[in-house]
């Protein structure tokens, strides 16, 4: 199990990311036309909905990988 830094634009629904030391499952994305940012809609390990905001599609997040590649 590893983590890799990935740009937000390359993340997909169903990916698991690590943010502030916690793991989240991405459920959807919303573009913020006012700021150019992206809302990453996800759920934590207990099933609670969380929103992580990225300032641009080029921001990097830690992607959790089950298998080394």
N, C-alpha and C. Protein backbone atom coordinates (compact mmCIF):
# COMPACT_ATOMS: atom_id res chain seq x y z
N UNK A 1 0.85 -1.17 0.00
CA UNK A 1 0.00 0.00 0.00
C UNK A 1 0.89 1.24 0.00
N UNK A 2 0.63 2.13 -0.94
CA UNK A 2 1.44 3.32 -1.09
C UNK A 2 0.56 4.54 -1.32
N UNK A 3 1.17 5.70 -1.26
CA UNK A 3 0.48 6.93 -1.65
C UNK A 3 1.33 7.62 -2.71
N UNK A 4 0.66 8.30 -3.60
CA UNK A 4 1.31 9.08 -4.65
C UNK A 4 0.67 10.45 -4.70
N UNK A 5 1.43 11.47 -5.03
CA UNK A 5 0.89 12.81 -5.22
C UNK A 5 0.33 12.90 -6.64
N UNK A 6 -0.97 13.18 -6.75
CA UNK A 6 -1.64 13.27 -8.05
C UNK A 6 -2.35 14.61 -8.17
N UNK A 7 -2.37 15.16 -9.38
CA UNK A 7 -3.12 16.38 -9.62
C UNK A 7 -4.61 16.08 -9.52
N UNK A 8 -5.36 17.06 -9.06
CA UNK A 8 -6.81 16.89 -8.87
C UNK A 8 -7.49 16.48 -10.17
N UNK A 9 -7.06 17.05 -11.31
CA UNK A 9 -7.73 16.74 -12.58
C UNK A 9 -7.59 15.26 -12.95
N UNK A 10 -6.63 14.54 -12.39
CA UNK A 10 -6.45 13.13 -12.74
C UNK A 10 -7.13 12.18 -11.75
N UNK A 11 -7.73 12.72 -10.70
CA UNK A 11 -8.46 11.88 -9.75
C UNK A 11 -9.82 11.50 -10.33
N UNK A 12 -10.35 10.37 -9.87
CA UNK A 12 -11.64 9.88 -10.37
C UNK A 12 -12.54 9.50 -9.21
N UNK A 13 -13.83 9.44 -9.47
CA UNK A 13 -14.77 8.94 -8.47
C UNK A 13 -14.37 7.51 -8.11
N UNK A 14 -14.40 7.20 -6.82
CA UNK A 14 -14.01 5.87 -6.36
C UNK A 14 -12.57 5.80 -5.89
N UNK A 15 -11.76 6.83 -6.20
CA UNK A 15 -10.38 6.87 -5.69
C UNK A 15 -10.39 7.15 -4.19
N UNK A 16 -9.38 6.66 -3.52
CA UNK A 16 -9.20 6.95 -2.10
C UNK A 16 -8.03 7.92 -1.97
N UNK A 17 -8.28 9.01 -1.23
CA UNK A 17 -7.23 9.99 -1.02
C UNK A 17 -6.97 10.15 0.47
N UNK A 18 -5.81 10.67 0.78
CA UNK A 18 -5.47 10.98 2.16
C UNK A 18 -5.33 12.48 2.25
N UNK A 19 -6.10 13.07 3.17
CA UNK A 19 -6.08 14.52 3.37
C UNK A 19 -6.04 14.80 4.87
N UNK A 20 -5.04 15.56 5.30
CA UNK A 20 -4.85 15.89 6.73
C UNK A 20 -4.79 14.62 7.58
N UNK A 21 -4.14 13.58 7.06
CA UNK A 21 -3.94 12.35 7.80
C UNK A 21 -5.13 11.40 7.83
N UNK A 22 -6.23 11.75 7.19
CA UNK A 22 -7.42 10.91 7.16
C UNK A 22 -7.67 10.40 5.74
N UNK A 23 -8.27 9.21 5.63
CA UNK A 23 -8.56 8.62 4.33
C UNK A 23 -10.01 8.91 3.94
N UNK A 24 -10.21 9.26 2.65
CA UNK A 24 -11.52 9.59 2.11
C UNK A 24 -11.74 8.89 0.78
N UNK A 25 -12.99 8.53 0.52
CA UNK A 25 -13.41 7.94 -0.75
C UNK A 25 -14.10 9.03 -1.56
N UNK A 26 -13.60 9.30 -2.76
CA UNK A 26 -14.18 10.34 -3.61
C UNK A 26 -15.49 9.84 -4.20
N UNK A 27 -16.56 10.65 -4.03
CA UNK A 27 -17.86 10.28 -4.59
C UNK A 27 -18.25 11.16 -5.78
N UNK A 28 -17.78 12.41 -5.81
CA UNK A 28 -18.07 13.28 -6.96
C UNK A 28 -17.21 14.54 -6.89
N UNK A 29 -17.31 15.34 -7.96
CA UNK A 29 -16.58 16.60 -8.06
C UNK A 29 -17.56 17.69 -8.46
N UNK A 30 -17.31 18.92 -8.00
CA UNK A 30 -18.10 20.08 -8.42
C UNK A 30 -17.13 21.20 -8.75
N UNK A 31 -17.30 21.81 -9.92
CA UNK A 31 -16.49 22.97 -10.30
C UNK A 31 -17.11 24.22 -9.71
N UNK A 32 -16.26 25.10 -9.18
CA UNK A 32 -16.71 26.38 -8.66
C UNK A 32 -16.39 27.44 -9.71
N UNK A 33 -17.39 27.83 -10.48
CA UNK A 33 -17.16 28.76 -11.59
C UNK A 33 -16.74 30.14 -11.11
N UNK A 34 -17.07 30.52 -9.88
CA UNK A 34 -16.69 31.83 -9.36
C UNK A 34 -15.20 31.93 -9.07
N UNK A 35 -14.60 30.88 -8.53
CA UNK A 35 -13.19 30.93 -8.12
C UNK A 35 -12.28 30.09 -9.00
N UNK A 36 -12.84 29.21 -9.81
CA UNK A 36 -12.02 28.31 -10.62
C UNK A 36 -11.56 27.09 -9.84
N UNK A 37 -12.00 26.98 -8.60
CA UNK A 37 -11.62 25.84 -7.76
C UNK A 37 -12.50 24.63 -8.00
N UNK A 38 -12.19 23.57 -7.29
CA UNK A 38 -12.92 22.31 -7.41
C UNK A 38 -13.27 21.81 -6.01
N UNK A 39 -14.54 21.44 -5.84
CA UNK A 39 -14.96 20.79 -4.59
C UNK A 39 -14.89 19.29 -4.80
N UNK A 40 -14.15 18.61 -3.95
CA UNK A 40 -14.06 17.15 -4.01
C UNK A 40 -15.01 16.63 -2.94
N UNK A 41 -16.10 16.01 -3.38
CA UNK A 41 -17.09 15.47 -2.46
C UNK A 41 -16.67 14.04 -2.13
N UNK A 42 -16.56 13.73 -0.84
CA UNK A 42 -16.07 12.41 -0.46
C UNK A 42 -16.70 11.99 0.86
N UNK A 43 -16.42 10.77 1.25
CA UNK A 43 -16.90 10.27 2.55
C UNK A 43 -15.71 9.71 3.31
N UNK A 44 -15.78 9.85 4.64
CA UNK A 44 -14.69 9.34 5.46
C UNK A 44 -14.93 7.86 5.76
N UNK A 45 -14.06 7.28 6.55
CA UNK A 45 -14.15 5.84 6.83
C UNK A 45 -15.41 5.45 7.60
N UNK A 46 -16.05 6.42 8.26
CA UNK A 46 -17.29 6.15 9.00
C UNK A 46 -18.54 6.45 8.18
N UNK A 47 -18.35 6.90 6.93
CA UNK A 47 -19.47 7.17 6.05
C UNK A 47 -19.96 8.61 6.06
N UNK A 48 -19.31 9.48 6.83
CA UNK A 48 -19.73 10.88 6.86
C UNK A 48 -19.24 11.62 5.63
N UNK A 49 -20.09 12.47 5.09
CA UNK A 49 -19.76 13.24 3.88
C UNK A 49 -18.81 14.37 4.25
N UNK A 50 -17.81 14.57 3.42
CA UNK A 50 -16.84 15.64 3.59
C UNK A 50 -16.65 16.34 2.25
N UNK A 51 -16.29 17.61 2.29
CA UNK A 51 -15.97 18.35 1.09
C UNK A 51 -14.55 18.90 1.26
N UNK A 52 -13.70 18.57 0.30
CA UNK A 52 -12.34 19.09 0.29
C UNK A 52 -12.25 20.04 -0.89
N UNK A 53 -11.74 21.23 -0.64
CA UNK A 53 -11.67 22.24 -1.68
C UNK A 53 -10.26 22.32 -2.24
N UNK A 54 -10.15 22.30 -3.55
CA UNK A 54 -8.85 22.47 -4.24
C UNK A 54 -8.93 23.78 -5.02
N UNK A 55 -7.89 24.59 -4.92
CA UNK A 55 -7.87 25.90 -5.56
C UNK A 55 -7.83 25.80 -7.08
N UNK A 56 -7.24 24.71 -7.61
CA UNK A 56 -7.16 24.55 -9.07
C UNK A 56 -7.02 23.07 -9.41
N UNK A 57 -7.24 22.71 -10.68
CA UNK A 57 -7.09 21.32 -11.09
C UNK A 57 -5.65 20.82 -10.98
N UNK A 58 -4.70 21.75 -10.86
CA UNK A 58 -3.29 21.37 -10.77
C UNK A 58 -2.83 21.13 -9.33
N UNK A 59 -3.68 21.42 -8.32
CA UNK A 59 -3.32 21.11 -6.94
C UNK A 59 -3.10 19.62 -6.81
N UNK A 60 -2.20 19.23 -5.91
CA UNK A 60 -1.91 17.81 -5.74
C UNK A 60 -2.51 17.28 -4.45
N UNK A 61 -2.99 16.04 -4.53
CA UNK A 61 -3.54 15.33 -3.38
C UNK A 61 -2.81 14.00 -3.27
N UNK A 62 -2.83 13.42 -2.08
CA UNK A 62 -2.23 12.11 -1.88
C UNK A 62 -3.24 11.04 -2.25
N UNK A 63 -2.96 10.28 -3.31
CA UNK A 63 -3.81 9.19 -3.77
C UNK A 63 -3.35 7.92 -3.09
N UNK A 64 -4.26 7.17 -2.48
CA UNK A 64 -3.95 5.92 -1.81
C UNK A 64 -4.02 4.78 -2.82
N UNK A 65 -2.95 4.00 -2.92
CA UNK A 65 -2.90 2.88 -3.86
C UNK A 65 -2.84 1.56 -3.08
N UNK A 66 -3.70 0.61 -3.43
CA UNK A 66 -3.72 -0.68 -2.77
C UNK A 66 -2.52 -1.55 -3.15
N UNK A 67 -2.09 -1.43 -4.37
CA UNK A 67 -1.03 -2.30 -4.89
C UNK A 67 0.14 -1.44 -5.38
N UNK A 68 1.35 -1.83 -5.06
CA UNK A 68 2.51 -1.11 -5.57
C UNK A 68 2.58 -1.30 -7.08
N UNK A 69 2.93 -0.21 -7.81
CA UNK A 69 3.07 -0.31 -9.26
C UNK A 69 4.19 0.54 -9.77
